[in-house]
C-alpha atoms as a PDB file:
ATOM      1  CA  MET A   1     -45.228  18.213  -0.086  1.00  0.00           C
ATOM      2  CA  ARG A   2     -48.667  18.271   1.487  1.00  0.00           C
ATOM      3  CA  ALA A   3     -47.453  20.641   4.204  1.00  0.00           C
ATOM      4  CA  VAL A   4     -46.181  23.082   1.568  1.00  0.00           C
ATOM      5  CA  TYR A   5     -49.545  22.932  -0.219  1.00  0.00           C
ATOM      6  CA  HIS A   6     -51.458  23.731   2.980  1.00  0.00           C
ATOM      7  CA  MET A   7     -49.050  26.505   3.896  1.00  0.00           C
ATOM      8  CA  ALA A   8     -49.423  28.060   0.447  1.00  0.00           C
ATOM      9  CA  ARG A   9     -53.196  28.086   0.873  1.00  0.00           C
ATOM     10  CA  ARG A  10     -52.928  30.385   3.847  1.00  0.00           C
ATOM     11  CA  ARG A  11     -53.663  34.045   3.134  1.00  0.00           C
ATOM     12  CA  PRO A  12     -50.531  35.480   4.795  1.00  0.00           C
ATOM     13  CA  MET A  13     -48.343  33.188   2.689  1.00  0.00           C
ATOM     14  CA  ARG A  14     -50.121  34.182  -0.527  1.00  0.00           C
ATOM     15  CA  ILE A  15     -49.741  37.827   0.432  1.00  0.00           C
ATOM     16  CA  ALA A  16     -46.033  37.375   1.162  1.00  0.00           C
ATOM     17  CA  VAL A  17     -45.407  35.736  -2.222  1.00  0.00           C
ATOM     18  CA  LEU A  18     -47.361  38.460  -4.042  1.00  0.00           C
ATOM     19  CA  LEU A  19     -45.522  41.223  -2.170  1.00  0.00           C
ATOM     20  CA  VAL A  20     -42.133  39.709  -2.967  1.00  0.00           C
ATOM     21  CA  ALA A  21     -43.108  39.550  -6.650  1.00  0.00           C
ATOM     22  CA  ALA A  22     -44.430  43.132  -6.631  1.00  0.00           C
ATOM     23  CA  THR A  23     -41.267  44.355  -4.869  1.00  0.00           C
ATOM     24  CA  ILE A  24     -38.947  42.642  -7.347  1.00  0.00           C
ATOM     25  CA  LEU A  25     -40.941  44.069 -10.260  1.00  0.00           C
ATOM     26  CA  GLY A  26     -40.931  47.509  -8.600  1.00  0.00           C
ATOM     27  CA  LEU A  27     -37.152  47.432  -8.217  1.00  0.00           C
ATOM     28  CA  ALA A  28     -36.815  46.348 -11.860  1.00  0.00           C
ATOM     29  CA  ASP A  29     -38.992  49.350 -12.794  1.00  0.00           C
ATOM     30  CA  LEU A  30     -36.691  51.609 -10.775  1.00  0.00           C
ATOM     31  CA  ALA A  31     -33.581  50.204 -12.456  1.00  0.00           C
ATOM     32  CA  LEU A  32     -35.053  50.642 -15.938  1.00  0.00           C
ATOM     33  CA  THR A  33     -36.345  54.121 -15.123  1.00  0.00           C
ATOM     34  CA  LEU A  34     -32.956  55.295 -13.868  1.00  0.00           C
ATOM     35  CA  THR A  35     -31.197  53.695 -16.837  1.00  0.00           C
ATOM     36  CA  TYR A  36     -33.330  55.597 -19.332  1.00  0.00           C
ATOM     37  CA  LEU A  37     -33.457  58.840 -17.337  1.00  0.00           C
ATOM     38  CA  THR A  38     -29.694  59.066 -17.011  1.00  0.00           C
ATOM     39  CA  SER A  39     -28.970  58.100 -20.616  1.00  0.00           C
ATOM     40  CA  ILE A  40     -31.167  59.332 -23.464  1.00  0.00           C
ATOM     41  CA  GLY A  41     -34.308  60.164 -21.473  1.00  0.00           C
ATOM     42  CA  MET A  42     -37.813  58.745 -21.800  1.00  0.00           C
ATOM     43  CA  PHE A  43     -41.488  59.469 -22.226  1.00  0.00           C
ATOM     44  CA  GLU A  44     -43.262  59.644 -18.838  1.00  0.00           C
ATOM     45  CA  GLY A  45     -47.039  59.695 -18.808  1.00  0.00           C
ATOM     46  CA  ASN A  46     -47.439  59.893 -15.020  1.00  0.00           C
ATOM     47  CA  PRO A  47     -47.604  63.553 -13.877  1.00  0.00           C
ATOM     48  CA  ILE A  48     -46.557  62.640 -10.320  1.00  0.00           C
ATOM     49  CA  ALA A  49     -43.483  60.844 -11.644  1.00  0.00           C
ATOM     50  CA  ARG A  50     -42.683  63.830 -13.892  1.00  0.00           C
ATOM     51  CA  LEU A  51     -42.869  66.084 -10.828  1.00  0.00           C
ATOM     52  CA  VAL A  52     -40.467  63.851  -8.878  1.00  0.00           C
ATOM     53  CA  ILE A  53     -38.115  63.623 -11.868  1.00  0.00           C
ATOM     54  CA  ALA A  54     -38.200  67.426 -12.182  1.00  0.00           C
ATOM     55  CA  SER A  55     -36.240  67.527  -8.917  1.00  0.00           C
ATOM     56  CA  GLY A  56     -33.242  66.688 -11.099  1.00  0.00           C
ATOM     57  CA  SER A  57     -31.908  64.058  -8.730  1.00  0.00           C
ATOM     58  CA  ALA A  58     -31.668  60.318  -9.346  1.00  0.00           C
ATOM     59  CA  TRP A  59     -31.535  59.893  -5.564  1.00  0.00           C
ATOM     60  CA  THR A  60     -34.902  61.611  -5.183  1.00  0.00           C
ATOM     61  CA  VAL A  61     -36.442  59.417  -7.871  1.00  0.00           C
ATOM     62  CA  ALA A  62     -35.004  56.280  -6.239  1.00  0.00           C
ATOM     63  CA  ALA A  63     -36.095  57.352  -2.752  1.00  0.00           C
ATOM     64  CA  PHE A  64     -39.632  58.104  -3.958  1.00  0.00           C
ATOM     65  CA  LYS A  65     -39.942  54.729  -5.676  1.00  0.00           C
ATOM     66  CA  VAL A  66     -38.480  52.775  -2.751  1.00  0.00           C
ATOM     67  CA  LEU A  67     -40.705  54.626  -0.272  1.00  0.00           C
ATOM     68  CA  THR A  68     -43.855  53.900  -2.301  1.00  0.00           C
ATOM     69  CA  ILE A  69     -42.911  50.216  -2.475  1.00  0.00           C
ATOM     70  CA  ALA A  70     -42.148  50.127   1.258  1.00  0.00           C
ATOM     71  CA  LEU A  71     -45.401  51.902   2.144  1.00  0.00           C
ATOM     72  CA  THR A  72     -47.463  49.462   0.096  1.00  0.00           C
ATOM     73  CA  VAL A  73     -45.699  46.472   1.657  1.00  0.00           C
ATOM     74  CA  TRP A  74     -46.026  47.908   5.169  1.00  0.00           C
ATOM     75  CA  ILE A  75     -49.771  48.599   4.852  1.00  0.00           C
ATOM     76  CA  THR A  76     -50.391  45.178   3.354  1.00  0.00           C
ATOM     77  CA  VAL A  77     -48.378  43.358   6.023  1.00  0.00           C
ATOM     78  CA  ILE A  78     -50.231  45.175   8.802  1.00  0.00           C
ATOM     79  CA  MET A  79     -53.558  44.074   7.292  1.00  0.00           C
ATOM     80  CA  ARG A  80     -52.309  40.597   6.246  1.00  0.00           C
ATOM     81  CA  ARG A  81     -55.112  38.615   7.905  1.00  0.00           C
ATOM     82  CA  ARG A  82     -57.887  40.513   6.098  1.00  0.00           C
ATOM     83  CA  TRP A  83     -59.184  39.766   2.622  1.00  0.00           C
ATOM     84  CA  GLN A  84     -58.619  43.404   1.636  1.00  0.00           C
ATOM     85  CA  ALA A  85     -54.873  42.930   2.145  1.00  0.00           C
ATOM     86  CA  GLU A  86     -54.881  40.009  -0.233  1.00  0.00           C
ATOM     87  CA  MET A  87     -56.739  42.094  -2.813  1.00  0.00           C
ATOM     88  CA  LEU A  88     -54.184  44.886  -2.370  1.00  0.00           C
ATOM     89  CA  ALA A  89     -51.353  42.380  -2.806  1.00  0.00           C
ATOM     90  CA  TRP A  90     -52.959  40.972  -5.968  1.00  0.00           C
ATOM     91  CA  VAL A  91     -53.569  44.448  -7.391  1.00  0.00           C
ATOM     92  CA  SER A  92     -49.989  45.481  -6.585  1.00  0.00           C
ATOM     93  CA  ALA A  93     -48.527  42.394  -8.235  1.00  0.00           C
ATOM     94  CA  VAL A  94     -50.750  42.669 -11.321  1.00  0.00           C
ATOM     95  CA  VAL A  95     -50.085  46.407 -11.734  1.00  0.00           C
ATOM     96  CA  MET A  96     -46.335  45.888 -11.406  1.00  0.00           C
ATOM     97  CA  LEU A  97     -46.451  42.980 -13.865  1.00  0.00           C
ATOM     98  CA  GLY A  98     -48.370  45.198 -16.289  1.00  0.00           C
ATOM     99  CA  LEU A  99     -45.771  47.926 -15.844  1.00  0.00           C
ATOM    100  CA  PHE A 100     -42.978  45.436 -16.488  1.00  0.00           C
ATOM    101  CA  LEU A 101     -44.696  44.259 -19.673  1.00  0.00           C
ATOM    102  CA  HIS A 102     -45.084  47.912 -20.674  1.00  0.00           C
ATOM    103  CA  TRP A 103     -41.339  48.322 -20.167  1.00  0.00           C
ATOM    104  CA  LEU A 104     -40.679  45.388 -22.494  1.00  0.00           C
ATOM    105  CA  GLY A 105     -42.777  47.117 -25.146  1.00  0.00           C
ATOM    106  CA  TYR A 106     -41.046  50.443 -24.501  1.00  0.00           C
ATOM    107  CA  ILE A 107     -37.619  48.843 -24.864  1.00  0.00           C
ATOM    108  CA  ALA A 108     -38.654  47.253 -28.166  1.00  0.00           C
ATOM    109  CA  TYR A 109     -40.023  50.628 -29.317  1.00  0.00           C
ATOM    110  CA  ALA A 110     -36.815  52.408 -28.281  1.00  0.00           C
ATOM    111  CA  GLU A 111     -34.699  49.907 -30.195  1.00  0.00           C
ATOM    112  CA  SER A 112     -36.736  50.365 -33.364  1.00  0.00           C
ATOM    113  CA  SER A 113     -37.104  54.155 -33.020  1.00  0.00           C
ATOM    114  CA  THR A 114     -33.626  55.285 -32.043  1.00  0.00           C
ATOM    115  CA  GLY A 115     -33.651  58.155 -34.556  1.00  0.00           C
ATOM    116  CA  THR A 116     -36.980  59.492 -33.314  1.00  0.00           C
ATOM    117  CA  LEU A 117     -35.905  59.270 -29.680  1.00  0.00           C
ATOM    118  CA  ALA A 118     -32.646  61.059 -30.481  1.00  0.00           C
ATOM    119  CA  VAL A 119     -34.586  63.955 -32.059  1.00  0.00           C
ATOM    120  CA  VAL A 120     -36.897  64.185 -29.049  1.00  0.00           C
ATOM    121  CA  ALA A 121     -33.947  64.007 -26.644  1.00  0.00           C
ATOM    122  CA  LEU A 122     -32.345  66.959 -28.432  1.00  0.00           C
ATOM    123  CA  ASP A 123     -35.603  68.951 -28.519  1.00  0.00           C
ATOM    124  CA  PRO A 124     -38.106  67.754 -25.878  1.00  0.00           C
ATOM    125  CA  SER A 125     -40.762  70.167 -27.165  1.00  0.00           C
ATOM    126  CA  HIS A 126     -41.659  67.434 -29.692  1.00  0.00           C
ATOM    127  CA  ALA A 127     -42.936  65.268 -26.823  1.00  0.00           C
ATOM    128  CA  ALA A 128     -45.725  67.555 -25.585  1.00  0.00           C
ATOM    129  CA  GLY A 129     -44.244  67.810 -22.103  1.00  0.00           C
ATOM    130  CA  SER A 130     -43.954  64.075 -21.433  1.00  0.00           C
ATOM    131  CA  TRP A 131     -40.208  63.738 -22.171  1.00  0.00           C
ATOM    132  CA  VAL A 132     -38.019  63.597 -19.059  1.00  0.00           C
ATOM    133  CA  SER A 133     -34.349  63.034 -18.355  1.00  0.00           C
ATOM    134  CA  LEU A 134     -31.808  63.428 -15.601  1.00  0.00           C
ATOM    135  CA  PRO A 135     -28.296  64.852 -15.895  1.00  0.00           C
END
């Protein structure tokens, strides 16, 4: 048990755990995004994400998300012995956790606002340009 404690105190191990968590949360975000995009649609506040979604391809959206996750992991692993890498890993994990919590709120909102979402899905002009969907 003591060996595990000392190993967990090492920066590279902390970074690895944080990156695994951020990656799992990022893949959950991708799954939820594709689920909503290919069904009713969704509000998207990120203009970069709206641009990628405008490609009209679920594969492009998935590739973009996977590449951004992979790039973050790659940069962090390369720098793993520096304190900046640990900060990047913490920020990545916290941001992805925040996004996951946002998804939980969005899902609850969607369940309670089905009628409103159906109207917006039929006429996206009600969403001031933030409504996106994929065929």
